[in-house]
Amino acid sequence: MAGNDAGNKSRSHGRGKTVVMTSTEAQNGFGRMLDAVANNGTVLIKKHNVTRAVVISADRYEALTREESPALDALAAEFDDMLARMQRPGARSGMQAAFDASPDVLASAAVAAAMRRAG
């Protein structure tokens, strides 16, 4: 589907063209919409001049979801590590001491920790 098909508009972006269709065009021309996604990667579907949906190709979807997996895996590993540290002996008493500490004591501890990291 080219951008000059009846009623359809297209605009370029870094990864090809984005085809813009009305919801009626998408509904009545589902096959043409799929062709546009396959050829261009993205179709914006508008209703009453407002973008209501974005249809992307399977390749683009897989690329987007692959990119997020390492970040999610790293976050899960960080969470598991933090949970393990929280379950060490003495962690409960350390947390209780932090909750019982005055703002001045917490501030001093924060400054000391920052100095250790910087030094």
N, C-alpha and C. Protein backbone atom coordinates (compact mmCIF):
# COMPACT_ATOMS: atom_id res chain seq x y z
N MET A 1 0.85 -1.17 0.00
CA MET A 1 0.00 0.00 0.00
C MET A 1 0.89 1.22 0.00
N ALA A 2 0.69 2.09 -0.89
CA ALA A 2 1.48 3.31 -0.96
C ALA A 2 0.75 4.41 -0.24
N GLY A 3 1.50 5.45 0.08
CA GLY A 3 0.91 6.55 0.79
C GLY A 3 -0.10 7.33 -0.04
N ASN A 4 -0.15 7.11 -1.36
CA ASN A 4 -1.07 7.87 -2.19
C ASN A 4 -2.36 7.11 -2.47
N ASP A 5 -2.59 5.97 -1.84
CA ASP A 5 -3.85 5.27 -2.01
C ASP A 5 -4.98 6.14 -1.49
N ALA A 6 -6.18 5.90 -1.95
CA ALA A 6 -7.32 6.75 -1.62
C ALA A 6 -7.45 6.94 -0.11
N GLY A 7 -7.31 8.20 0.30
CA GLY A 7 -7.54 8.55 1.69
C GLY A 7 -6.39 8.25 2.62
N ASN A 8 -5.43 7.49 2.21
CA ASN A 8 -4.33 7.13 3.10
C ASN A 8 -3.20 8.12 2.95
N LYS A 9 -2.56 8.43 4.04
CA LYS A 9 -1.44 9.34 4.03
C LYS A 9 -0.25 8.57 4.57
N SER A 10 0.94 9.04 4.22
CA SER A 10 2.13 8.43 4.82
C SER A 10 3.10 9.53 5.16
N ARG A 11 3.94 9.22 6.13
CA ARG A 11 5.00 10.15 6.49
C ARG A 11 6.24 9.34 6.79
N SER A 12 7.39 9.92 6.49
CA SER A 12 8.64 9.22 6.70
C SER A 12 9.12 9.43 8.13
N HIS A 13 9.81 8.42 8.64
CA HIS A 13 10.53 8.54 9.89
C HIS A 13 11.79 7.71 9.74
N GLY A 14 12.57 7.59 10.78
CA GLY A 14 13.87 6.96 10.69
C GLY A 14 13.85 5.53 10.19
N ARG A 15 12.75 4.81 10.30
CA ARG A 15 12.72 3.40 9.94
C ARG A 15 11.79 3.11 8.78
N GLY A 16 11.55 4.07 7.93
CA GLY A 16 10.65 3.86 6.80
C GLY A 16 9.50 4.83 6.87
N LYS A 17 8.39 4.44 6.26
CA LYS A 17 7.22 5.30 6.26
C LYS A 17 6.18 4.79 7.23
N THR A 18 5.48 5.73 7.82
CA THR A 18 4.34 5.40 8.66
C THR A 18 3.10 5.71 7.84
N VAL A 19 2.27 4.73 7.63
CA VAL A 19 1.03 4.93 6.89
C VAL A 19 -0.05 5.30 7.89
N VAL A 20 -0.85 6.29 7.53
CA VAL A 20 -1.96 6.73 8.38
C VAL A 20 -3.26 6.34 7.70
N MET A 21 -4.12 5.63 8.44
CA MET A 21 -5.42 5.19 7.92
C MET A 21 -6.50 5.60 8.91
N THR A 22 -7.69 5.81 8.40
CA THR A 22 -8.82 5.99 9.30
C THR A 22 -9.24 4.62 9.81
N SER A 23 -10.00 4.61 10.89
CA SER A 23 -10.46 3.33 11.42
C SER A 23 -11.35 2.61 10.41
N THR A 24 -12.13 3.37 9.64
CA THR A 24 -12.99 2.77 8.62
C THR A 24 -12.15 2.12 7.53
N GLU A 25 -11.09 2.82 7.07
CA GLU A 25 -10.20 2.26 6.06
C GLU A 25 -9.53 0.98 6.57
N ALA A 26 -9.10 1.00 7.82
CA ALA A 26 -8.45 -0.18 8.39
C ALA A 26 -9.43 -1.35 8.50
N GLN A 27 -10.65 -1.04 8.90
CA GLN A 27 -11.66 -2.08 9.06
C GLN A 27 -12.07 -2.66 7.71
N ASN A 28 -12.34 -1.79 6.76
CA ASN A 28 -12.81 -2.25 5.45
C ASN A 28 -11.70 -2.79 4.56
N GLY A 29 -10.48 -2.40 4.85
CA GLY A 29 -9.35 -2.84 4.02
C GLY A 29 -8.29 -3.51 4.87
N PHE A 30 -8.70 -4.48 5.67
CA PHE A 30 -7.78 -5.14 6.59
C PHE A 30 -6.57 -5.71 5.87
N GLY A 31 -6.77 -6.34 4.74
CA GLY A 31 -5.66 -6.90 3.97
C GLY A 31 -4.71 -5.82 3.51
N ARG A 32 -5.24 -4.68 3.05
CA ARG A 32 -4.39 -3.57 2.63
C ARG A 32 -3.60 -3.02 3.82
N MET A 33 -4.23 -2.99 5.01
CA MET A 33 -3.54 -2.52 6.20
C MET A 33 -2.37 -3.47 6.53
N LEU A 34 -2.61 -4.78 6.45
CA LEU A 34 -1.53 -5.73 6.72
C LEU A 34 -0.39 -5.58 5.71
N ASP A 35 -0.74 -5.35 4.45
CA ASP A 35 0.29 -5.10 3.43
C ASP A 35 1.09 -3.85 3.77
N ALA A 36 0.40 -2.80 4.22
CA ALA A 36 1.08 -1.55 4.58
C ALA A 36 2.03 -1.78 5.75
N VAL A 37 1.61 -2.56 6.72
CA VAL A 37 2.49 -2.87 7.85
C VAL A 37 3.70 -3.66 7.38
N ALA A 38 3.48 -4.64 6.52
CA ALA A 38 4.59 -5.46 6.00
C ALA A 38 5.56 -4.61 5.20
N ASN A 39 5.06 -3.67 4.41
CA ASN A 39 5.92 -2.84 3.55
C ASN A 39 6.56 -1.68 4.28
N ASN A 40 5.86 -1.11 5.26
CA ASN A 40 6.32 0.12 5.89
C ASN A 40 6.69 -0.04 7.36
N GLY A 41 6.21 -1.09 8.00
CA GLY A 41 6.55 -1.33 9.40
C GLY A 41 5.56 -0.79 10.41
N THR A 42 4.84 0.28 10.04
CA THR A 42 3.94 0.92 11.00
C THR A 42 2.72 1.50 10.30
N VAL A 43 1.56 1.32 10.91
CA VAL A 43 0.32 1.96 10.45
C VAL A 43 -0.33 2.62 11.67
N LEU A 44 -0.61 3.90 11.54
CA LEU A 44 -1.38 4.61 12.56
C LEU A 44 -2.84 4.56 12.16
N ILE A 45 -3.70 4.21 13.09
CA ILE A 45 -5.13 4.17 12.82
C ILE A 45 -5.79 5.30 13.59
N LYS A 46 -6.46 6.18 12.84
CA LYS A 46 -7.09 7.35 13.44
C LYS A 46 -8.61 7.25 13.39
N LYS A 47 -9.23 7.78 14.41
CA LYS A 47 -10.68 7.89 14.45
C LYS A 47 -10.98 9.31 14.91
N HIS A 48 -11.75 10.02 14.12
CA HIS A 48 -12.07 11.42 14.39
C HIS A 48 -10.80 12.24 14.56
N ASN A 49 -9.83 11.98 13.69
CA ASN A 49 -8.57 12.72 13.64
C ASN A 49 -7.66 12.52 14.86
N VAL A 50 -7.93 11.51 15.66
CA VAL A 50 -7.11 11.20 16.83
C VAL A 50 -6.55 9.79 16.65
N THR A 51 -5.23 9.63 16.82
CA THR A 51 -4.63 8.31 16.71
C THR A 51 -5.16 7.43 17.83
N ARG A 52 -5.79 6.32 17.44
CA ARG A 52 -6.38 5.40 18.42
C ARG A 52 -5.58 4.12 18.55
N ALA A 53 -4.80 3.76 17.53
CA ALA A 53 -4.02 2.52 17.58
C ALA A 53 -2.82 2.65 16.65
N VAL A 54 -1.81 1.85 16.95
CA VAL A 54 -0.63 1.73 16.10
C VAL A 54 -0.42 0.25 15.84
N VAL A 55 -0.32 -0.11 14.58
CA VAL A 55 -0.07 -1.49 14.20
C VAL A 55 1.36 -1.55 13.70
N ILE A 56 2.15 -2.48 14.27
CA ILE A 56 3.55 -2.63 13.87
C ILE A 56 3.77 -4.04 13.33
N SER A 57 4.82 -4.19 12.56
CA SER A 57 5.13 -5.50 11.98
C SER A 57 5.62 -6.45 13.07
N ALA A 58 5.53 -7.73 12.79
CA ALA A 58 6.00 -8.74 13.73
C ALA A 58 7.51 -8.59 13.97
N ASP A 59 8.26 -8.26 12.92
CA ASP A 59 9.71 -8.06 13.08
C ASP A 59 10.00 -6.91 14.04
N ARG A 60 9.28 -5.82 13.87
CA ARG A 60 9.48 -4.65 14.75
C ARG A 60 9.09 -4.99 16.18
N TYR A 61 7.99 -5.73 16.35
CA TYR A 61 7.55 -6.13 17.68
C TYR A 61 8.61 -6.99 18.36
N GLU A 62 9.14 -7.97 17.63
CA GLU A 62 10.16 -8.85 18.20
C GLU A 62 11.42 -8.07 18.56
N ALA A 63 11.80 -7.11 17.73
CA ALA A 63 12.98 -6.29 18.03
C ALA A 63 12.75 -5.47 19.29
N LEU A 64 11.57 -4.91 19.44
CA LEU A 64 11.27 -4.12 20.63
C LEU A 64 11.25 -4.97 21.89
N THR A 65 10.67 -6.15 21.82
CA THR A 65 10.60 -6.99 23.01
C THR A 65 11.94 -7.61 23.34
N ARG A 66 12.77 -7.88 22.34
CA ARG A 66 14.12 -8.40 22.60
C ARG A 66 14.96 -7.36 23.30
N GLU A 67 14.81 -6.10 22.93
CA GLU A 67 15.61 -5.03 23.52
C GLU A 67 15.31 -4.88 25.01
N GLU A 68 14.08 -5.16 25.43
CA GLU A 68 13.71 -4.96 26.82
C GLU A 68 14.08 -6.14 27.70
N SER A 69 14.25 -7.32 27.14
CA SER A 69 14.52 -8.51 27.95
C SER A 69 15.79 -8.39 28.78
N PRO A 70 16.92 -7.95 28.23
CA PRO A 70 18.11 -7.84 29.07
C PRO A 70 17.90 -6.88 30.24
N ALA A 71 17.21 -5.78 30.01
CA ALA A 71 16.96 -4.83 31.10
C ALA A 71 16.09 -5.47 32.16
N LEU A 72 15.09 -6.22 31.76
CA LEU A 72 14.21 -6.89 32.70
C LEU A 72 14.97 -7.97 33.45
N ASP A 73 15.82 -8.72 32.76
CA ASP A 73 16.63 -9.75 33.40
C ASP A 73 17.58 -9.13 34.43
N ALA A 74 18.19 -8.00 34.08
CA ALA A 74 19.10 -7.32 35.00
C ALA A 74 18.34 -6.82 36.22
N LEU A 75 17.15 -6.28 36.00
CA LEU A 75 16.35 -5.79 37.12
C LEU A 75 15.94 -6.94 38.04
N ALA A 76 15.55 -8.07 37.47
CA ALA A 76 15.18 -9.24 38.28
C ALA A 76 16.38 -9.74 39.09
N ALA A 77 17.55 -9.76 38.48
CA ALA A 77 18.76 -10.19 39.20
C ALA A 77 19.09 -9.22 40.33
N GLU A 78 18.94 -7.94 40.07
CA GLU A 78 19.19 -6.93 41.11
C GLU A 78 18.22 -7.10 42.28
N PHE A 79 16.96 -7.36 41.95
CA PHE A 79 15.96 -7.58 42.99
C PHE A 79 16.31 -8.82 43.82
N ASP A 80 16.67 -9.92 43.15
CA ASP A 80 17.02 -11.15 43.85
C ASP A 80 18.21 -10.92 44.78
N ASP A 81 19.21 -10.16 44.31
CA ASP A 81 20.38 -9.86 45.13
C ASP A 81 19.99 -9.02 46.35
N MET A 82 19.14 -8.02 46.14
CA MET A 82 18.70 -7.18 47.24
C MET A 82 17.92 -7.99 48.26
N LEU A 83 17.06 -8.86 47.80
CA LEU A 83 16.28 -9.71 48.69
C LEU A 83 17.20 -10.62 49.51
N ALA A 84 18.21 -11.17 48.87
CA ALA A 84 19.16 -12.03 49.59
C ALA A 84 19.91 -11.24 50.67
N ARG A 85 20.32 -10.00 50.34
CA ARG A 85 21.00 -9.16 51.33
C ARG A 85 20.08 -8.83 52.50
N MET A 86 18.81 -8.63 52.22
CA MET A 86 17.86 -8.28 53.29
C MET A 86 17.59 -9.46 54.23
N GLN A 87 17.89 -10.66 53.77
CA GLN A 87 17.62 -11.84 54.59
C GLN A 87 18.84 -12.33 55.35
N ARG A 88 19.96 -11.64 55.26
CA ARG A 88 21.15 -12.01 56.01
C ARG A 88 20.93 -11.78 57.49
N PRO A 89 21.65 -12.53 58.34
CA PRO A 89 21.56 -12.26 59.78
C PRO A 89 21.98 -10.82 60.07
N GLY A 90 21.29 -10.18 60.91
CA GLY A 90 21.61 -8.81 61.28
C GLY A 90 20.91 -7.76 60.44
N ALA A 91 20.35 -8.16 59.32
CA ALA A 91 19.68 -7.18 58.45
C ALA A 91 18.48 -6.57 59.15
N ARG A 92 17.72 -7.40 59.87
CA ARG A 92 16.54 -6.89 60.57
C ARG A 92 16.94 -5.87 61.63
N SER A 93 17.98 -6.18 62.40
CA SER A 93 18.39 -5.22 63.45
C SER A 93 18.95 -3.95 62.83
N GLY A 94 19.65 -4.09 61.69
CA GLY A 94 20.17 -2.92 61.00
C GLY A 94 19.05 -2.03 60.49
N MET A 95 18.01 -2.64 59.92
CA MET A 95 16.86 -1.85 59.44
C MET A 95 16.14 -1.18 60.61
N GLN A 96 16.00 -1.90 61.71
CA GLN A 96 15.33 -1.32 62.87
C GLN A 96 16.12 -0.13 63.40
N ALA A 97 17.45 -0.26 63.42
CA ALA A 97 18.30 0.85 63.86
C ALA A 97 18.13 2.05 62.94
N ALA A 98 18.01 1.81 61.63
CA ALA A 98 17.82 2.92 60.69
C ALA A 98 16.48 3.59 60.91
N PHE A 99 15.43 2.80 61.16
CA PHE A 99 14.11 3.40 61.42
C PHE A 99 14.09 4.18 62.72
N ASP A 100 14.88 3.74 63.70
CA ASP A 100 14.89 4.41 65.01
C ASP A 100 15.84 5.61 65.04
N ALA A 101 16.70 5.76 64.05
CA ALA A 101 17.71 6.81 64.05
C ALA A 101 17.08 8.18 63.84
N SER A 102 17.72 9.18 64.40
CA SER A 102 17.27 10.57 64.23
C SER A 102 17.68 11.05 62.83
N PRO A 103 17.07 12.11 62.35
CA PRO A 103 17.47 12.66 61.05
C PRO A 103 18.94 13.05 61.00
N ASP A 104 19.49 13.55 62.11
CA ASP A 104 20.90 13.94 62.13
C ASP A 104 21.82 12.72 61.97
N VAL A 105 21.46 11.63 62.64
CA VAL A 105 22.26 10.41 62.54
C VAL A 105 22.18 9.86 61.11
N LEU A 106 20.99 9.86 60.50
CA LEU A 106 20.84 9.40 59.12
C LEU A 106 21.64 10.26 58.16
N ALA A 107 21.61 11.57 58.37
CA ALA A 107 22.36 12.48 57.50
C ALA A 107 23.85 12.21 57.60
N SER A 108 24.35 12.03 58.81
CA SER A 108 25.78 11.74 59.00
C SER A 108 26.17 10.43 58.33
N ALA A 109 25.31 9.42 58.47
CA ALA A 109 25.59 8.13 57.84
C ALA A 109 25.59 8.25 56.32
N ALA A 110 24.68 9.02 55.79
CA ALA A 110 24.62 9.21 54.32
C ALA A 110 25.86 9.91 53.81
N VAL A 111 26.33 10.95 54.53
CA VAL A 111 27.53 11.67 54.13
C VAL A 111 28.74 10.74 54.20
N ALA A 112 28.83 9.95 55.27
CA ALA A 112 29.96 9.03 55.41
C ALA A 112 29.96 7.99 54.29
N ALA A 113 28.78 7.48 53.93
CA ALA A 113 28.70 6.50 52.85
C ALA A 113 29.10 7.12 51.52
N ALA A 114 28.69 8.36 51.29
CA ALA A 114 29.04 9.05 50.05
C ALA A 114 30.54 9.30 49.97
N MET A 115 31.14 9.61 51.09
CA MET A 115 32.58 9.87 51.12
C MET A 115 33.36 8.57 50.85
N ARG A 116 32.85 7.45 51.39
CA ARG A 116 33.52 6.17 51.15
C ARG A 116 33.46 5.82 49.67
N ARG A 117 32.32 6.07 49.03
CA ARG A 117 32.19 5.76 47.59
C ARG A 117 33.06 6.66 46.74
N ALA A 118 33.15 7.92 47.13
CA ALA A 118 33.92 8.89 46.34
C ALA A 118 35.42 8.69 46.52
N GLY A 119 35.81 8.20 47.69
CA GLY A 119 37.24 8.13 48.02
C GLY A 119 37.88 6.91 47.59
